[in-house]
C-alpha atoms as a PDB file:
ATOM      1  CA  MET A   1       0.027   0.036  -0.020  1.00  0.00           C
ATOM      2  CA  GLU A   2       1.078   3.646  -0.630  1.00  0.00           C
ATOM      3  CA  LEU A   3      -0.013   6.575   1.158  1.00  0.00           C
ATOM      4  CA  THR A   4       0.594  10.252  -0.452  1.00  0.00           C
ATOM      5  CA  ILE A   5       1.491  12.843   1.964  1.00  0.00           C
ATOM      6  CA  CYS A   6       1.576  16.369   0.648  1.00  0.00           C
ATOM      7  CA  HIS A   7       3.711  19.007   2.524  1.00  0.00           C
ATOM      8  CA  LEU A   8       2.299  22.516   1.557  1.00  0.00           C
ATOM      9  CA  TYR A   9       4.390  25.399   1.196  1.00  0.00           C
ATOM     10  CA  PRO A  10       7.393  23.861   3.010  1.00  0.00           C
ATOM     11  CA  ASP A  11       9.479  26.731   2.291  1.00  0.00           C
ATOM     12  CA  LEU A  12       7.358  29.071   3.709  1.00  0.00           C
ATOM     13  CA  LEU A  13       5.558  27.352   6.606  1.00  0.00           C
ATOM     14  CA  ASP A  14       7.994  25.642   8.698  1.00  0.00           C
ATOM     15  CA  LEU A  15       8.344  27.070  12.169  1.00  0.00           C
ATOM     16  CA  TYR A  16       9.482  25.275  15.283  1.00  0.00           C
ATOM     17  CA  GLY A  17      10.487  21.937  13.594  1.00  0.00           C
ATOM     18  CA  ASP A  18       7.010  21.591  11.984  1.00  0.00           C
ATOM     19  CA  ARG A  19       8.577  19.706   9.157  1.00  0.00           C
ATOM     20  CA  GLY A  20       9.167  16.810  11.643  1.00  0.00           C
ATOM     21  CA  ASN A  21       5.576  15.906  11.135  1.00  0.00           C
ATOM     22  CA  ILE A  22       6.100  14.867   7.864  1.00  0.00           C
ATOM     23  CA  LEU A  23       9.162  12.606   8.623  1.00  0.00           C
ATOM     24  CA  ALA A  24       7.135  11.276  11.807  1.00  0.00           C
ATOM     25  CA  LEU A  25       4.308  10.287   9.158  1.00  0.00           C
ATOM     26  CA  ALA A  26       6.602   8.899   6.715  1.00  0.00           C
ATOM     27  CA  ALA A  27       8.560   6.689   9.263  1.00  0.00           C
ATOM     28  CA  ARG A  28       5.722   5.300  10.909  1.00  0.00           C
ATOM     29  CA  CYS A  29       4.298   4.171   7.409  1.00  0.00           C
ATOM     30  CA  ARG A  30       7.563   2.963   6.474  1.00  0.00           C
ATOM     31  CA  TRP A  31       8.188   0.680   9.560  1.00  0.00           C
ATOM     32  CA  ARG A  32       4.612  -1.024   8.855  1.00  0.00           C
ATOM     33  CA  GLY A  33       5.395  -1.805   5.122  1.00  0.00           C
ATOM     34  CA  ILE A  34       3.359   1.189   4.009  1.00  0.00           C
ATOM     35  CA  GLU A  35       5.018   3.139   1.085  1.00  0.00           C
ATOM     36  CA  PRO A  36       5.077   6.937   1.910  1.00  0.00           C
ATOM     37  CA  VAL A  37       4.657   9.034  -1.110  1.00  0.00           C
ATOM     38  CA  ILE A  38       6.084  12.665  -0.099  1.00  0.00           C
ATOM     39  CA  GLN A  39       4.902  15.628  -2.061  1.00  0.00           C
ATOM     40  CA  GLN A  40       5.811  19.003  -1.605  1.00  0.00           C
ATOM     41  CA  ALA A  41       4.021  21.984  -3.330  1.00  0.00           C
ATOM     42  CA  SER A  42       4.777  25.811  -3.047  1.00  0.00           C
ATOM     43  CA  LEU A  43       3.217  29.130  -4.406  1.00  0.00           C
ATOM     44  CA  GLY A  44       1.664  28.620  -7.738  1.00  0.00           C
ATOM     45  CA  GLU A  45       2.057  24.812  -8.135  1.00  0.00           C
ATOM     46  CA  ASP A  46      -0.568  22.418  -9.275  1.00  0.00           C
ATOM     47  CA  LEU A  47      -2.411  20.173  -6.450  1.00  0.00           C
ATOM     48  CA  ASP A  48      -4.637  17.418  -6.814  1.00  0.00           C
ATOM     49  CA  PHE A  49      -6.298  17.367  -3.372  1.00  0.00           C
ATOM     50  CA  MET A  50      -8.317  14.381  -4.002  1.00  0.00           C
ATOM     51  CA  GLY A  51      -5.360  12.217  -5.162  1.00  0.00           C
ATOM     52  CA  MET A  52      -3.629  12.936  -1.534  1.00  0.00           C
ATOM     53  CA  ASP A  53      -4.205  11.024   1.722  1.00  0.00           C
ATOM     54  CA  ILE A  54      -3.057  13.368   3.918  1.00  0.00           C
ATOM     55  CA  LEU A  55      -2.371  17.227   3.638  1.00  0.00           C
ATOM     56  CA  PHE A  56      -0.051  18.884   5.950  1.00  0.00           C
ATOM     57  CA  ILE A  57       0.205  22.887   6.380  1.00  0.00           C
ATOM     58  CA  GLY A  58       2.662  24.275   9.007  1.00  0.00           C
ATOM     59  CA  GLY A  59       2.876  27.411  10.684  1.00  0.00           C
ATOM     60  CA  GLY A  60       4.448  30.767   9.652  1.00  0.00           C
ATOM     61  CA  SER A  61       4.318  34.607  10.031  1.00  0.00           C
ATOM     62  CA  ASP A  62       1.145  36.860   9.345  1.00  0.00           C
ATOM     63  CA  ARG A  63       2.588  38.226   6.357  1.00  0.00           C
ATOM     64  CA  GLU A  64       3.266  34.711   4.757  1.00  0.00           C
ATOM     65  CA  GLN A  65      -0.198  33.695   5.691  1.00  0.00           C
ATOM     66  CA  GLY A  66      -1.549  36.946   3.715  1.00  0.00           C
ATOM     67  CA  LEU A  67       0.201  35.989   0.636  1.00  0.00           C
ATOM     68  CA  LEU A  68      -0.759  32.132   0.920  1.00  0.00           C
ATOM     69  CA  VAL A  69      -4.239  32.608   1.415  1.00  0.00           C
ATOM     70  CA  GLN A  70      -4.397  34.291  -1.987  1.00  0.00           C
ATOM     71  CA  ASP A  71      -2.695  31.456  -3.423  1.00  0.00           C
ATOM     72  CA  LEU A  72      -4.942  28.878  -1.925  1.00  0.00           C
ATOM     73  CA  MET A  73      -8.109  30.744  -2.776  1.00  0.00           C
ATOM     74  CA  ARG A  74      -7.930  30.148  -6.490  1.00  0.00           C
ATOM     75  CA  ARG A  75      -7.913  26.283  -5.478  1.00  0.00           C
ATOM     76  CA  GLU A  76     -10.484  26.869  -2.529  1.00  0.00           C
ATOM     77  CA  LYS A  77     -13.418  24.788  -4.193  1.00  0.00           C
ATOM     78  CA  GLU A  78     -10.995  21.714  -4.978  1.00  0.00           C
ATOM     79  CA  LEU A  79      -9.699  21.919  -1.053  1.00  0.00           C
ATOM     80  CA  ARG A  80     -13.078  22.183   0.182  1.00  0.00           C
ATOM     81  CA  SER A  81     -14.421  19.305  -2.142  1.00  0.00           C
ATOM     82  CA  ALA A  82     -11.739  16.936  -0.931  1.00  0.00           C
ATOM     83  CA  ILE A  83     -12.307  17.910   2.871  1.00  0.00           C
ATOM     84  CA  GLU A  84     -15.779  17.130   2.191  1.00  0.00           C
ATOM     85  CA  ASN A  85     -14.711  13.808   0.665  1.00  0.00           C
ATOM     86  CA  GLY A  86     -12.779  12.962   3.903  1.00  0.00           C
ATOM     87  CA  LEU A  87      -9.288  14.287   3.076  1.00  0.00           C
ATOM     88  CA  VAL A  88      -7.053  14.017   6.208  1.00  0.00           C
ATOM     89  CA  VAL A  89      -5.414  17.694   7.142  1.00  0.00           C
ATOM     90  CA  LEU A  90      -3.124  18.444   9.770  1.00  0.00           C
ATOM     91  CA  ALA A  91      -2.875  22.392   9.916  1.00  0.00           C
ATOM     92  CA  ILE A  92      -0.618  23.953  12.464  1.00  0.00           C
ATOM     93  CA  CYS A  93      -0.671  27.434  13.822  1.00  0.00           C
ATOM     94  CA  GLY A  94      -1.034  29.578  10.443  1.00  0.00           C
ATOM     95  CA  GLY A  95      -2.109  26.997   8.644  1.00  0.00           C
ATOM     96  CA  TYR A  96      -4.766  26.397  11.178  1.00  0.00           C
ATOM     97  CA  GLN A  97      -5.903  29.950  11.169  1.00  0.00           C
ATOM     98  CA  MET A  98      -6.049  30.183   7.204  1.00  0.00           C
ATOM     99  CA  LEU A  99      -8.634  27.502   7.020  1.00  0.00           C
ATOM    100  CA  GLY A 100     -11.036  29.787   9.155  1.00  0.00           C
ATOM    101  CA  GLN A 101     -13.241  32.793   8.083  1.00  0.00           C
ATOM    102  CA  TYR A 102     -10.297  35.715   9.013  1.00  0.00           C
ATOM    103  CA  TYR A 103      -7.363  36.936  10.750  1.00  0.00           C
ATOM    104  CA  LEU A 104      -7.927  40.184  12.513  1.00  0.00           C
ATOM    105  CA  MET A 105      -4.634  42.006  12.875  1.00  0.00           C
ATOM    106  CA  ALA A 106      -3.698  44.471  15.742  1.00  0.00           C
ATOM    107  CA  SER A 107      -3.425  46.979  13.146  1.00  0.00           C
ATOM    108  CA  GLY A 108      -7.194  46.573  12.176  1.00  0.00           C
ATOM    109  CA  GLU A 109      -6.373  44.726   8.741  1.00  0.00           C
ATOM    110  CA  LYS A 110      -8.162  41.992   8.197  1.00  0.00           C
ATOM    111  CA  ILE A 111      -6.621  38.786   6.542  1.00  0.00           C
ATOM    112  CA  GLN A 112      -9.533  36.838   4.834  1.00  0.00           C
ATOM    113  CA  GLY A 113      -9.118  33.052   5.307  1.00  0.00           C
ATOM    114  CA  LEU A 114     -10.382  30.238   3.261  1.00  0.00           C
ATOM    115  CA  GLY A 115     -13.584  30.057   5.174  1.00  0.00           C
ATOM    116  CA  ILE A 116     -13.608  26.045   5.022  1.00  0.00           C
ATOM    117  CA  ILE A 117     -14.246  25.946   8.914  1.00  0.00           C
ATOM    118  CA  ASP A 118     -16.420  28.273  11.085  1.00  0.00           C
ATOM    119  CA  ILE A 119     -13.364  29.622  13.254  1.00  0.00           C
ATOM    120  CA  TRP A 120     -12.013  33.068  13.320  1.00  0.00           C
ATOM    121  CA  THR A 121      -8.779  34.705  14.650  1.00  0.00           C
ATOM    122  CA  THR A 122      -8.063  38.159  16.428  1.00  0.00           C
ATOM    123  CA  ALA A 123      -4.499  39.443  17.466  1.00  0.00           C
ATOM    124  CA  GLY A 124      -4.139  39.277  21.136  1.00  0.00           C
ATOM    125  CA  GLU A 125      -2.209  41.860  23.255  1.00  0.00           C
ATOM    126  CA  LYS A 126       0.475  39.312  24.468  1.00  0.00           C
ATOM    127  CA  ARG A 127       1.986  36.170  22.853  1.00  0.00           C
ATOM    128  CA  LEU A 128       0.921  32.980  24.327  1.00  0.00           C
ATOM    129  CA  ILE A 129       4.082  31.105  24.610  1.00  0.00           C
ATOM    130  CA  GLY A 130       5.053  27.689  26.417  1.00  0.00           C
ATOM    131  CA  ASN A 131       4.553  23.976  26.682  1.00  0.00           C
ATOM    132  CA  VAL A 132       1.048  22.607  26.497  1.00  0.00           C
ATOM    133  CA  VAL A 133      -0.927  19.444  27.585  1.00  0.00           C
ATOM    134  CA  VAL A 134      -4.260  18.866  26.033  1.00  0.00           C
ATOM    135  CA  GLU A 135      -6.860  16.082  27.167  1.00  0.00           C
ATOM    136  CA  LEU A 136      -8.144  14.838  23.879  1.00  0.00           C
ATOM    137  CA  ASP A 137     -11.818  14.597  22.840  1.00  0.00           C
ATOM    138  CA  GLU A 138     -12.820  10.875  22.821  1.00  0.00           C
ATOM    139  CA  CYS A 139     -13.466  11.211  19.154  1.00  0.00           C
ATOM    140  CA  VAL A 140      -9.882  12.134  18.342  1.00  0.00           C
ATOM    141  CA  GLN A 141      -8.415   9.190  20.308  1.00  0.00           C
ATOM    142  CA  SER A 142      -6.503   6.204  18.474  1.00  0.00           C
ATOM    143  CA  VAL A 143      -8.612   3.217  19.007  1.00  0.00           C
ATOM    144  CA  ASP A 144      -5.511   1.016  20.176  1.00  0.00           C
ATOM    145  CA  SER A 145      -3.804   3.800  22.137  1.00  0.00           C
ATOM    146  CA  LYS A 146      -3.587   4.512  25.950  1.00  0.00           C
ATOM    147  CA  PHE A 147      -2.914   7.801  25.671  1.00  0.00           C
ATOM    148  CA  LYS A 148      -5.711  10.413  25.993  1.00  0.00           C
ATOM    149  CA  THR A 149      -3.403  13.612  25.751  1.00  0.00           C
ATOM    150  CA  LEU A 150      -1.511  15.667  23.325  1.00  0.00           C
ATOM    151  CA  VAL A 151       1.783  17.593  24.337  1.00  0.00           C
ATOM    152  CA  GLY A 152       3.314  20.644  22.458  1.00  0.00           C
ATOM    153  CA  PHE A 153       4.665  23.915  22.468  1.00  0.00           C
ATOM    154  CA  GLU A 154       2.543  27.182  21.497  1.00  0.00           C
ATOM    155  CA  ASN A 155       3.684  30.451  20.527  1.00  0.00           C
ATOM    156  CA  HIS A 156       1.109  32.586  18.878  1.00  0.00           C
ATOM    157  CA  SER A 157      -0.411  36.108  19.348  1.00  0.00           C
ATOM    158  CA  GLY A 158      -3.565  35.170  17.313  1.00  0.00           C
ATOM    159  CA  LYS A 159      -6.687  34.324  19.592  1.00  0.00           C
ATOM    160  CA  THR A 160      -8.599  31.672  17.684  1.00  0.00           C
ATOM    161  CA  TYR A 161     -12.502  31.064  18.568  1.00  0.00           C
ATOM    162  CA  LEU A 162     -14.874  28.172  17.257  1.00  0.00           C
ATOM    163  CA  GLY A 163     -18.364  28.833  15.598  1.00  0.00           C
ATOM    164  CA  GLU A 164     -21.375  26.950  17.173  1.00  0.00           C
ATOM    165  CA  GLY A 165     -21.132  23.390  16.819  1.00  0.00           C
ATOM    166  CA  ILE A 166     -17.710  23.378  15.774  1.00  0.00           C
ATOM    167  CA  MET A 167     -15.568  20.910  18.035  1.00  0.00           C
ATOM    168  CA  PRO A 168     -12.150  21.413  19.437  1.00  0.00           C
ATOM    169  CA  LEU A 169      -9.460  18.612  19.407  1.00  0.00           C
ATOM    170  CA  GLY A 170      -9.712  18.845  23.368  1.00  0.00           C
ATOM    171  CA  LYS A 171      -9.467  20.679  26.653  1.00  0.00           C
ATOM    172  CA  VAL A 172      -6.128  22.528  27.729  1.00  0.00           C
ATOM    173  CA  VAL A 173      -4.876  21.037  31.287  1.00  0.00           C
ATOM    174  CA  PHE A 174      -1.889  23.037  30.954  1.00  0.00           C
ATOM    175  CA  GLY A 175      -1.110  26.151  28.743  1.00  0.00           C
ATOM    176  CA  ASN A 176      -3.296  28.448  26.717  1.00  0.00           C
ATOM    177  CA  GLY A 177      -4.478  26.738  23.520  1.00  0.00           C
ATOM    178  CA  ASN A 178      -6.710  28.524  21.218  1.00  0.00           C
ATOM    179  CA  ASN A 179      -7.007  31.653  22.816  1.00  0.00           C
ATOM    180  CA  GLY A 180      -6.224  31.350  26.812  1.00  0.00           C
ATOM    181  CA  ASP A 181      -9.935  31.962  27.796  1.00  0.00           C
ATOM    182  CA  ASP A 182     -12.043  29.112  27.199  1.00  0.00           C
ATOM    183  CA  ARG A 183      -9.574  26.136  27.869  1.00  0.00           C
ATOM    184  CA  GLU A 184      -9.972  24.788  24.215  1.00  0.00           C
ATOM    185  CA  GLU A 185      -7.340  23.705  22.101  1.00  0.00           C
ATOM    186  CA  GLY A 186      -7.320  23.170  18.196  1.00  0.00           C
ATOM    187  CA  VAL A 187     -10.175  22.219  15.857  1.00  0.00           C
ATOM    188  CA  ARG A 188     -11.665  19.058  14.141  1.00  0.00           C
ATOM    189  CA  TYR A 189     -13.932  19.141  11.153  1.00  0.00           C
ATOM    190  CA  ARG A 190     -14.717  15.863   9.495  1.00  0.00           C
ATOM    191  CA  ASN A 191     -10.785  14.690   9.242  1.00  0.00           C
ATOM    192  CA  VAL A 192      -9.404  18.149   9.672  1.00  0.00           C
ATOM    193  CA  PHE A 193      -7.459  18.771  12.610  1.00  0.00           C
ATOM    194  CA  GLY A 194      -6.139  22.301  13.450  1.00  0.00           C
ATOM    195  CA  THR A 195      -3.832  22.843  16.167  1.00  0.00           C
ATOM    196  CA  TYR A 196      -1.465  25.508  17.884  1.00  0.00           C
ATOM    197  CA  LEU A 197       0.838  22.867  18.909  1.00  0.00           C
ATOM    198  CA  HIS A 198       4.582  22.696  17.408  1.00  0.00           C
ATOM    199  CA  GLY A 199       7.353  21.075  18.618  1.00  0.00           C
ATOM    200  CA  PRO A 200       6.963  19.310  16.279  1.00  0.00           C
ATOM    201  CA  LEU A 201       3.621  17.833  17.450  1.00  0.00           C
ATOM    202  CA  LEU A 202       3.614  13.995  15.959  1.00  0.00           C
ATOM    203  CA  PRO A 203       7.029  12.608  17.206  1.00  0.00           C
ATOM    204  CA  LYS A 204       5.827  13.662  20.702  1.00  0.00           C
ATOM    205  CA  ASN A 205       2.297  12.070  20.037  1.00  0.00           C
ATOM    206  CA  PRO A 206       2.707   9.020  17.964  1.00  0.00           C
ATOM    207  CA  HIS A 207      -1.011   7.946  19.008  1.00  0.00           C
ATOM    208  CA  PHE A 208      -2.134  11.016  17.155  1.00  0.00           C
ATOM    209  CA  ALA A 209      -0.003  10.226  14.246  1.00  0.00           C
ATOM    210  CA  ASP A 210      -1.529   7.013  13.968  1.00  0.00           C
ATOM    211  CA  ARG A 211      -4.847   8.313  14.386  1.00  0.00           C
ATOM    212  CA  LEU A 212      -4.129  10.322  10.882  1.00  0.00           C
ATOM    213  CA  LEU A 213      -2.987   7.326   9.253  1.00  0.00           C
ATOM    214  CA  GLU A 214      -6.137   5.174  10.698  1.00  0.00           C
ATOM    215  CA  LEU A 215      -8.306   7.875   9.081  1.00  0.00           C
ATOM    216  CA  ALA A 216      -6.246   7.947   5.568  1.00  0.00           C
ATOM    217  CA  ILE A 217      -6.586   4.422   5.203  1.00  0.00           C
ATOM    218  CA  LEU A 218     -10.241   4.214   6.028  1.00  0.00           C
ATOM    219  CA  ARG A 219     -10.885   7.017   3.693  1.00  0.00           C
ATOM    220  CA  ARG A 220      -9.457   4.433   0.915  1.00  0.00           C
ATOM    221  CA  GLY A 221     -11.901   1.871   2.228  1.00  0.00           C
ATOM    222  CA  SER A 222      -8.962  -0.312   3.417  1.00  0.00           C
ATOM    223  CA  ASP A 223      -8.461  -2.396   6.915  1.00  0.00           C
ATOM    224  CA  THR A 224      -7.587   0.362   9.454  1.00  0.00           C
ATOM    225  CA  ARG A 225      -5.838  -2.008  11.828  1.00  0.00           C
ATOM    226  CA  LEU A 226      -2.220  -0.546  12.108  1.00  0.00           C
ATOM    227  CA  ARG A 227       0.538  -3.008  12.919  1.00  0.00           C
ATOM    228  CA  LYS A 228       1.355  -2.261  16.717  1.00  0.00           C
ATOM    229  CA  LEU A 229       4.906  -0.584  16.874  1.00  0.00           C
ATOM    230  CA  ASP A 230       7.480  -0.464  19.932  1.00  0.00           C
ATOM    231  CA  ASP A 231       6.776   3.134  20.995  1.00  0.00           C
ATOM    232  CA  SER A 232       8.215   2.563  24.457  1.00  0.00           C
ATOM    233  CA  LEU A 233      10.691   5.571  23.977  1.00  0.00           C
ATOM    234  CA  GLU A 234       8.035   7.843  22.587  1.00  0.00           C
ATOM    235  CA  GLU A 235       5.657   6.872  25.194  1.00  0.00           C
ATOM    236  CA  LEU A 236       8.157   7.592  28.077  1.00  0.00           C
ATOM    237  CA  ALA A 237       8.896  11.068  26.200  1.00  0.00           C
ATOM    238  CA  HIS A 238       5.304  11.912  26.270  1.00  0.00           C
ATOM    239  CA  GLU A 239       4.599  10.432  29.966  1.00  0.00           C
ATOM    240  CA  THR A 240       7.684  12.482  31.294  1.00  0.00           C
ATOM    241  CA  MET A 241       6.404  15.827  29.751  1.00  0.00           C
ATOM    242  CA  VAL A 242       2.876  15.257  31.192  1.00  0.00           C
ATOM    243  CA  LYS A 243       4.009  14.554  34.555  1.00  0.00           C
ATOM    244  CA  ARG A 244       6.384  17.417  34.615  1.00  0.00           C
ATOM    245  CA  LEU A 245       4.094  20.017  33.568  1.00  0.00           C
ATOM    246  CA  LEU A 246       1.100  18.684  35.799  1.00  0.00           C
ATOM    247  CA  LYS A 247       3.158  17.987  38.903  1.00  0.00           C
END
């Protein structure tokens, strides 16, 4: 089996080691005998969203976000159609914000988003920085994992809010999350996952990486049962961080 994983704007959206998410997905595929086909696409390049299994969008600055939304807007219908068809998407920070309605900057300038998910972001007066622990919503948890949390690192001034009926990834038990006010972190819409967690996210949370792989395989109509891997070191690192932050 092959899985096509697309890294969108790798040259412009790669804050805090976000590229590590692609490396983690590819490694966890190969260790199971699944061949990862890694695509990279930047400004102006053609994309076949329906032909992808997983789309990854990393984090970047406000300036880059404005440029990239313009580029993506001409392909918004194709992306929206693929998402409604079950495309698995992981979007981090700026990539997460771009999927929403808009980003209202401190200057009053409004950067229009793609409007695919009913979320919006406004610039806060201070940056939300530090380590984060999130208690995952039950529907996001991997079937075979004992872990119910995500750990990561956030560094953002944008404060994101979810529209009525839009579900977060989970509840913040340490850190700030979407906005520092409602104790929610990230978003899930169909198979789209948006989050502020850098670090990168997936090497610290192999159970979440496997959840993305499960969903991508399920969309293909194949058996979603993933072969168990020896994640003892990854699990120890995850547990150590949770205990350190919640002690």
